[in-house]
Protein backbone atom coordinates (compact mmCIF):
# COMPACT_ATOMS: atom_id res chain seq x y z
CA UNK A 1 25.00 33.28 10.09
CA UNK A 2 21.83 32.64 8.35
CA UNK A 3 21.79 31.97 4.49
CA UNK A 4 19.71 35.28 3.76
CA UNK A 5 22.88 37.49 5.55
CA UNK A 6 25.82 35.38 4.31
CA UNK A 7 23.98 35.73 0.60
CA UNK A 8 24.24 40.04 1.21
CA UNK A 9 27.03 40.29 3.82
CA UNK A 10 29.54 37.37 3.28
CA UNK A 11 33.26 38.29 1.92
CA UNK A 12 32.32 42.08 1.84
CA UNK A 13 33.42 44.87 3.93
CA UNK A 14 32.69 48.95 3.38
CA UNK A 15 35.70 50.01 0.88
CA UNK A 16 38.50 51.22 3.56
CA UNK A 17 39.21 54.51 1.22
CA UNK A 18 35.61 55.24 0.25
CA UNK A 19 33.49 53.87 2.50
CA UNK A 20 31.60 52.17 -0.53
CA UNK A 21 28.78 49.44 1.23
CA UNK A 22 29.20 47.71 -2.18
CA UNK A 23 32.68 46.06 -3.24
CA UNK A 24 34.64 48.25 -5.92
CA UNK A 25 35.22 46.74 -9.30
CA UNK A 26 38.83 46.96 -9.19
CA UNK A 27 39.43 47.14 -12.37
CA UNK A 28 43.23 46.39 -12.95
CA UNK A 29 45.38 44.05 -14.04
CA UNK A 30 48.56 44.92 -11.86
CA UNK A 31 49.34 46.12 -8.47
CA UNK A 32 52.42 48.63 -7.16
CA UNK A 33 55.13 47.01 -4.59
CA UNK A 34 57.35 49.26 -2.77
CA UNK A 35 60.05 46.25 -2.84
CA UNK A 36 60.31 43.26 -5.23
CA UNK A 37 57.60 41.00 -3.12
CA UNK A 38 55.76 43.89 -1.20
CA UNK A 39 52.62 43.14 -2.68
CA UNK A 40 50.16 42.65 -0.06
CA UNK A 41 48.80 39.57 -1.87
CA UNK A 42 48.11 41.40 -4.83
CA UNK A 43 50.58 41.09 -7.78
CA UNK A 44 48.79 39.82 -10.92
CA UNK A 45 44.87 40.13 -11.23
CA UNK A 46 44.71 36.37 -13.08
CA UNK A 47 45.71 34.80 -9.70
CA UNK A 48 44.14 37.94 -7.08
CA UNK A 49 41.74 40.59 -7.18
CA UNK A 50 39.97 42.31 -4.71
CA UNK A 51 36.56 42.32 -6.52
CA UNK A 52 37.30 38.16 -6.98
CA UNK A 53 38.62 37.51 -3.68
CA UNK A 54 34.97 39.33 -2.42
CA UNK A 55 33.22 36.59 -4.25
CA UNK A 56 34.92 33.79 -3.29
CA UNK A 57 34.66 34.50 -0.07
CA UNK A 58 31.08 34.74 -0.63
CA UNK A 59 30.68 31.50 -2.50
CA UNK A 60 32.33 29.73 0.43
CA UNK A 61 30.22 30.97 2.88
CA UNK A 62 27.09 29.85 0.93
CA UNK A 63 28.30 26.20 0.42
CA UNK A 64 29.32 26.12 4.20
CA UNK A 65 33.07 25.68 2.69
CA UNK A 66 36.36 27.06 3.67
CA UNK A 67 37.59 27.75 0.52
CA UNK A 68 35.84 29.26 -3.16
CA UNK A 69 37.53 29.54 -6.25
CA UNK A 70 35.83 31.42 -9.03
CA UNK A 71 36.48 30.36 -12.83
CA UNK A 72 35.52 32.01 -16.25
CA UNK A 73 32.77 29.42 -17.06
CA UNK A 74 31.45 26.46 -15.34
CA UNK A 75 33.43 24.31 -17.72
CA UNK A 76 36.71 26.26 -16.65
CA UNK A 77 35.91 25.27 -13.21
CA UNK A 78 35.05 21.65 -14.34
CA UNK A 79 38.58 21.58 -16.13
CA UNK A 80 40.41 22.67 -13.24
CA UNK A 81 38.85 19.29 -11.61
CA UNK A 82 39.59 17.13 -14.29
CA UNK A 83 43.32 18.80 -14.05
CA UNK A 84 43.65 17.15 -10.94
CA UNK A 85 43.73 13.69 -12.51
CA UNK A 86 47.07 11.64 -14.19
CA UNK A 87 46.84 9.36 -17.36
CA UNK A 88 45.58 5.50 -16.32
CA UNK A 89 43.24 7.31 -13.83
CA UNK A 90 39.33 6.59 -13.67
CA UNK A 91 36.41 8.55 -13.44
CA UNK A 92 32.87 7.29 -12.22
CA UNK A 93 29.84 9.95 -13.18
CA UNK A 94 26.36 9.72 -13.96
CA UNK A 95 24.73 8.46 -17.62
CA UNK A 96 22.36 11.70 -17.20
CA UNK A 97 24.94 14.32 -17.54
CA UNK A 98 25.17 18.34 -18.60
CA UNK A 99 26.10 17.72 -22.13
CA UNK A 100 29.36 19.96 -22.18
CA UNK A 101 30.89 17.61 -19.35
CA UNK A 102 29.94 14.90 -21.29
CA UNK A 103 32.09 16.55 -24.21
CA UNK A 104 34.88 17.58 -22.11
CA UNK A 105 35.18 14.15 -20.63
CA UNK A 106 34.63 11.85 -23.74
CA UNK A 107 36.56 14.75 -26.41
CA UNK A 108 39.46 16.16 -24.08
CA UNK A 109 40.17 14.10 -21.27
CA UNK A 110 39.92 10.77 -22.46
CA UNK A 111 42.04 11.05 -25.03
CA UNK A 112 44.96 11.73 -21.72
CA UNK A 113 44.20 8.66 -20.80
CA UNK A 114 41.65 9.20 -18.47
CA UNK A 115 38.43 6.70 -18.28
CA UNK A 116 35.11 7.70 -17.63
CA UNK A 117 32.59 5.11 -16.45
CA UNK A 118 29.01 6.83 -17.07
CA UNK A 119 26.11 4.52 -14.87
CA UNK A 120 22.88 4.77 -13.55
CA UNK A 121 23.65 6.45 -10.19
CA UNK A 122 20.02 6.44 -8.71
CA UNK A 123 21.66 3.90 -6.27
CA UNK A 124 24.55 4.57 -4.69
CA UNK A 125 25.65 0.80 -4.87
CA UNK A 126 25.88 1.11 -8.53
CA UNK A 127 29.39 2.23 -8.32
CA UNK A 128 31.00 -0.13 -6.61
CA UNK A 129 31.13 -2.75 -9.23
CA UNK A 130 33.44 0.04 -11.40
CA UNK A 131 35.72 1.26 -8.42
CA UNK A 132 39.50 0.08 -8.49
CA UNK A 133 42.78 1.01 -7.33
CA UNK A 134 42.67 3.42 -10.43
CA UNK A 135 39.49 5.32 -9.34
CA UNK A 136 40.05 8.98 -8.15
CA UNK A 137 37.05 10.53 -8.59
CA UNK A 138 33.10 10.21 -8.51
CA UNK A 139 31.62 13.25 -10.34
CA UNK A 140 27.86 13.85 -9.75
CA UNK A 141 24.61 16.02 -10.71
CA UNK A 142 22.05 16.13 -8.77
CA UNK A 143 19.00 16.79 -9.89
CA UNK A 144 20.22 15.83 -13.31
CA UNK A 145 20.39 17.77 -16.19
CA UNK A 146 17.52 17.48 -17.86
CA UNK A 147 15.95 14.22 -16.45
CA UNK A 148 16.11 15.49 -12.79
CA UNK A 149 17.56 12.30 -11.77
CA UNK A 150 18.37 12.57 -7.90
CA UNK A 151 21.73 10.83 -6.59
CA UNK A 152 21.68 10.21 -2.76
CA UNK A 153 25.20 12.58 -1.98
CA UNK A 154 25.90 11.46 1.51
CA UNK A 155 25.56 7.49 0.14
CA UNK A 156 27.98 7.89 -2.34
CA UNK A 157 30.06 10.04 0.27
CA UNK A 158 30.12 7.47 2.45
CA UNK A 159 31.33 4.99 -0.09
CA UNK A 160 34.13 7.41 -1.71
CA UNK A 161 35.46 8.95 1.63
CA UNK A 162 37.02 5.63 3.52
CA UNK A 163 38.44 4.83 -0.05
CA UNK A 164 40.10 8.35 -0.67
CA UNK A 165 38.21 8.83 -3.94
CA UNK A 166 37.30 12.78 -4.40
CA UNK A 167 33.78 13.51 -4.73
CA UNK A 168 32.40 16.18 -6.90
CA UNK A 169 28.97 17.28 -6.93
CA UNK A 170 27.82 19.62 -9.84
CA UNK A 171 25.36 21.78 -7.40
CA UNK A 172 24.09 23.91 -10.60
CA UNK A 173 20.49 22.78 -10.57
CA UNK A 174 20.17 22.92 -7.26
CA UNK A 175 22.02 26.28 -5.87
CA UNK A 176 23.49 26.66 -2.57
CA UNK A 177 19.79 27.83 -0.93
CA UNK A 178 18.65 24.50 -1.84
CA UNK A 179 21.58 22.08 -1.35
CA UNK A 180 25.21 21.94 0.14
CA UNK A 181 27.09 19.10 -1.12
CA UNK A 182 30.20 19.52 1.16
CA UNK A 183 27.65 19.43 4.84
CA UNK A 184 26.66 15.86 2.87
CA UNK A 185 30.27 14.60 2.60
CA UNK A 186 31.36 16.09 -0.87
CA UNK A 187 34.91 17.03 -1.51
CA UNK A 188 34.00 19.41 -3.65
CA UNK A 189 30.67 21.52 -4.66
CA UNK A 190 30.87 22.96 -7.91
CA UNK A 191 28.40 25.29 -9.78
CA UNK A 192 27.91 27.07 -13.34
CA UNK A 193 27.42 30.54 -11.99
CA UNK A 194 26.25 31.82 -14.70
CA UNK A 195 22.94 30.17 -13.81
CA UNK A 196 21.00 30.72 -10.35
CA UNK A 197 24.08 32.21 -8.61
CA UNK A 198 24.32 35.25 -11.36
CA UNK A 199 20.56 35.01 -11.72
CA UNK A 200 20.03 37.84 -14.63
CA UNK A 201 21.64 36.24 -17.62
CA UNK A 202 24.39 38.79 -18.00
CA UNK A 203 27.17 37.02 -17.32
CA UNK A 204 29.18 33.70 -17.54
CA UNK A 205 31.22 32.11 -14.82
CA UNK A 206 31.68 29.10 -12.83
CA UNK A 207 32.69 28.00 -9.27
CA UNK A 208 34.34 25.27 -6.68
CA UNK A 209 34.10 25.19 -3.09
CA UNK A 210 35.99 22.93 -0.75
CA UNK A 211 37.34 22.43 2.70
CA UNK A 212 40.56 20.47 2.65
CA UNK A 213 43.82 22.83 2.75
CA UNK A 214 45.53 20.54 0.52
CA UNK A 215 42.88 20.35 -2.36
CA UNK A 216 42.41 24.09 -2.21
CA UNK A 217 46.08 24.52 -3.14
CA UNK A 218 46.11 22.22 -5.45
CA UNK A 219 43.09 23.61 -7.39
CA UNK A 220 44.51 27.21 -7.13
CA UNK A 221 47.85 26.09 -8.74
CA UNK A 222 45.74 24.91 -11.77
CA UNK A 223 43.42 28.07 -11.47
CA UNK A 224 45.98 30.49 -11.49
CA UNK A 225 48.75 28.54 -13.85
CA UNK A 226 45.78 27.83 -16.60
CA UNK A 227 43.97 31.28 -16.12
CA UNK A 228 40.64 30.27 -16.58
CA UNK A 229 39.86 33.20 -13.94
CA UNK A 230 37.22 35.71 -14.03
CA UNK A 231 37.61 39.50 -14.29
CA UNK A 232 36.53 41.90 -11.89
CA UNK A 233 33.28 43.17 -13.98
CA UNK A 234 31.96 39.62 -13.91
CA UNK A 235 32.92 38.93 -10.37
CA UNK A 236 30.93 41.96 -9.46
CA UNK A 237 28.18 40.78 -11.29
CA UNK A 238 27.80 37.22 -9.64
CA UNK A 239 28.55 39.00 -6.24
CA UNK A 240 25.42 41.68 -7.02
CA UNK A 241 23.43 38.66 -7.93
CA UNK A 242 24.08 36.56 -5.19
CA UNK A 243 22.50 39.26 -2.59
CA UNK A 244 18.68 38.37 -4.29
CA UNK A 245 19.81 34.40 -4.29
CA UNK A 246 17.37 33.64 -1.16
CA UNK A 247 14.87 35.56 -2.55
CA UNK A 248 14.81 34.44 -6.34
CA UNK A 249 15.15 31.01 -5.07
CA UNK A 250 12.07 31.15 -3.38
CA UNK A 251 9.90 32.70 -6.16
CA UNK A 252 11.73 30.18 -8.49
CA UNK A 253 10.31 26.85 -6.36
CA UNK A 254 7.01 28.60 -5.86
CA UNK A 255 6.76 29.06 -9.40
CA UNK A 256 7.96 26.01 -10.40
CA UNK A 257 5.43 23.84 -8.36
CA UNK A 258 2.72 25.81 -9.79
CA UNK A 259 3.99 24.82 -13.18
CA UNK A 260 4.62 21.04 -12.63
CA UNK A 261 1.18 20.98 -10.90
CA UNK A 262 -0.61 22.40 -14.37
CA UNK A 263 1.39 20.15 -16.43
CA UNK A 264 1.02 17.23 -14.55
CA UNK A 265 -2.80 17.82 -14.91
CA UNK A 266 -2.23 18.46 -18.47
CA UNK A 267 -3.97 15.99 -21.00
CA UNK A 268 -1.10 16.40 -23.90
CA UNK A 269 1.72 15.81 -21.38
CA UNK A 270 3.13 12.28 -21.54
CA UNK A 271 6.45 12.18 -19.15
CA UNK A 272 7.27 14.73 -16.58
CA UNK A 273 10.17 15.11 -14.36
CA UNK A 274 9.77 17.64 -11.55
CA UNK A 275 11.87 16.17 -8.11
CA UNK A 276 8.84 17.63 -6.01
CA UNK A 277 6.06 14.73 -6.77
CA UNK A 278 6.29 11.88 -4.42
CA UNK A 279 6.09 9.87 -7.81
CA UNK A 280 9.27 10.80 -8.77
CA UNK A 281 12.35 8.58 -8.46
CA UNK A 282 14.38 8.80 -5.43
CA UNK A 283 11.67 11.80 -4.10
CA UNK A 284 12.48 10.98 -0.57
CA UNK A 285 16.32 11.61 -1.02
CA UNK A 286 15.59 14.97 -2.41
CA UNK A 287 13.18 15.91 0.10
CA UNK A 288 16.05 14.30 2.69
CA UNK A 289 18.95 16.41 0.65
CA UNK A 290 17.24 19.40 -0.72
CA UNK A 291 15.40 22.80 1.31
CA UNK A 292 12.60 22.48 -1.92
CA UNK A 293 12.65 21.03 -5.40
CA UNK A 294 13.64 24.37 -7.42
CA UNK A 295 12.30 25.29 -11.20
CA UNK A 296 13.58 23.01 -13.08
CA UNK A 297 11.05 20.93 -15.26
CA UNK A 298 11.57 18.94 -18.22
CA UNK A 299 8.59 17.11 -20.30
CA UNK A 300 7.37 15.57 -23.19
CA UNK A 301 3.68 15.48 -25.24
CA UNK A 302 1.83 12.92 -26.05
CA UNK A 303 2.84 11.48 -29.59
CA UNK A 304 5.03 14.38 -30.41
CA UNK A 305 7.65 14.20 -33.07
CA UNK A 306 10.80 16.08 -33.19
CA UNK A 307 9.29 18.00 -35.80
CA UNK A 308 6.13 19.17 -33.45
CA UNK A 309 8.56 19.64 -30.89
CA UNK A 310 9.86 21.96 -32.77
CA UNK A 311 6.92 23.57 -33.75
CA UNK A 312 5.63 23.64 -30.17
CA UNK A 313 8.82 25.30 -28.66
CA UNK A 314 8.20 27.88 -31.29
CA UNK A 315 4.88 29.23 -29.66
CA UNK A 316 5.86 30.33 -26.31
CA UNK A 317 5.43 34.08 -25.58
CA UNK A 318 6.68 34.86 -22.32
CA UNK A 319 9.13 31.60 -22.13
CA UNK A 320 12.15 32.01 -24.21
CA UNK A 321 13.43 29.84 -26.53
CA UNK A 322 17.05 29.81 -25.34
CA UNK A 323 19.88 27.83 -23.95
CA UNK A 324 21.11 28.25 -20.12
CA UNK A 325 18.83 28.73 -16.91
CA UNK A 326 18.61 29.80 -13.42
CA UNK A 327 17.50 33.38 -14.90
CA UNK A 328 14.63 35.78 -13.39
CA UNK A 329 13.28 35.09 -16.53
CA UNK A 330 11.57 31.84 -17.83
CA UNK A 331 13.40 30.15 -20.27
CA UNK A 332 12.45 26.66 -22.67
CA UNK A 333 15.27 24.51 -23.77
CA UNK A 334 14.99 21.67 -26.12
CA UNK A 335 18.38 19.27 -24.80
CA UNK A 336 18.60 17.70 -28.35
CA UNK A 337 19.62 20.41 -30.63
CA UNK A 338 20.79 22.64 -27.87
CA UNK A 339 22.56 21.84 -24.61
CA UNK A 340 22.62 17.93 -25.09
CA UNK A 341 23.46 17.42 -29.21
CA UNK A 342 27.31 16.53 -28.23
CA UNK A 343 26.07 13.18 -26.90
CA UNK A 344 25.24 10.30 -29.10
CA UNK A 345 21.65 9.61 -29.85
CA UNK A 346 21.56 5.95 -28.99
CA UNK A 347 23.31 7.06 -25.48
CA UNK A 348 20.17 10.14 -24.84
CA UNK A 349 17.54 7.80 -25.72
CA UNK A 350 18.56 5.15 -23.38
CA UNK A 351 18.11 7.66 -20.08
CA UNK A 352 15.19 9.49 -21.47
CA UNK A 353 16.94 12.65 -23.62
CA UNK A 354 14.79 11.70 -26.29
CA UNK A 355 13.89 14.14 -29.61
CA UNK A 356 10.92 15.22 -27.77
CA UNK A 357 12.07 16.26 -24.42
CA UNK A 358 11.80 20.14 -23.53
CA UNK A 359 13.40 21.51 -20.70
CA UNK A 360 12.10 24.33 -18.42
CA UNK A 361 13.73 27.08 -16.40
CA UNK A 362 10.74 28.56 -14.61
CA UNK A 363 11.52 32.08 -13.76
CA UNK A 364 10.09 34.83 -11.19
CA UNK A 365 7.52 36.25 -13.37
CA UNK A 366 3.98 36.31 -12.34
CA UNK A 367 2.72 32.92 -12.20
CA UNK A 368 -0.57 33.57 -14.21
CA UNK A 369 1.36 34.80 -17.24
CA UNK A 370 3.19 31.78 -17.17
CA UNK A 371 0.36 29.44 -16.95
CA UNK A 372 -1.34 31.06 -19.62
CA UNK A 373 1.85 31.10 -21.74
CA UNK A 374 1.71 27.18 -21.74
CA UNK A 375 -2.15 26.70 -21.95
CA UNK A 376 -1.69 28.85 -25.49
CA UNK A 377 1.20 26.69 -26.20
CA UNK A 378 -0.39 23.62 -25.67
CA UNK A 379 -3.48 24.34 -27.16
């Protein structure tokens, strides 16, 4: 089954009672049992719910995986993966990481005796000196948030798999439409489903997809036991959003390319981060493991200060200054004061997340309006 067909049909059948084509919102917390234990798979909606189950089957299909689990947020999904670890375990991860992940790793799980190595993962071989018998997980983003670094998933998997080290890929920026980490050797694909999967800035959710039966059982136990599971209304919204994922992603990619090309020629732009350019670091890897290059772009302006960056961010009219990404509307983000504020300044500066960096989530509006907005803001 091709991607567009999976996005619309995977995990979904007409409702057996009414014939409803769209999966109903099963807004219920508990289920009747004829006799104790006779629950037909449904007991209590923290663990199982028909609307969420349909979504999870669809999520799994999108990532070419056997299993999908939906969580109440992307960080809830990340938290579940971290709970596979024990005190003394070590994690290798990137030095250019979503601020919420960094905050969780350093402020929560480091306190429980888990050690994190934040390194440049642009070359897969860079992880080798950090691997010990205590290494249990490699966690990567690609493209990274917000400087769009590209990590070679297959090359990392070729290192981790023989050593029985779990590999989890945060695939939020690419979405399953552009990239499938499990097909490249990852054990887990993670998403903030709030972003491209939901696609309309109206729901917060996370997701994990995997193939291994035992890994699924462990993660399902954590998912049910710790309770970071989404309700049926949120599940319905993401299921609805996924039906247009392939159409939206085509538009995001098309608009993203035109915005990136416009900014590359603009005399005021200093650094520009978009993996579709041939001179972008690891462009060849992006071209190999992605189907297109997406609508996420970051840039700095020549000579910009923190104050002038604030002023610039306030001048946009079509791009909305807001956190998050991946919705149909175009968003502008200032990572230092918004999504990455929890990372120490020295660490941010070292990887390019400087005070003057702005990140664009290019939406699906008319491209002429987006370019005109950039033109007037940068004038």
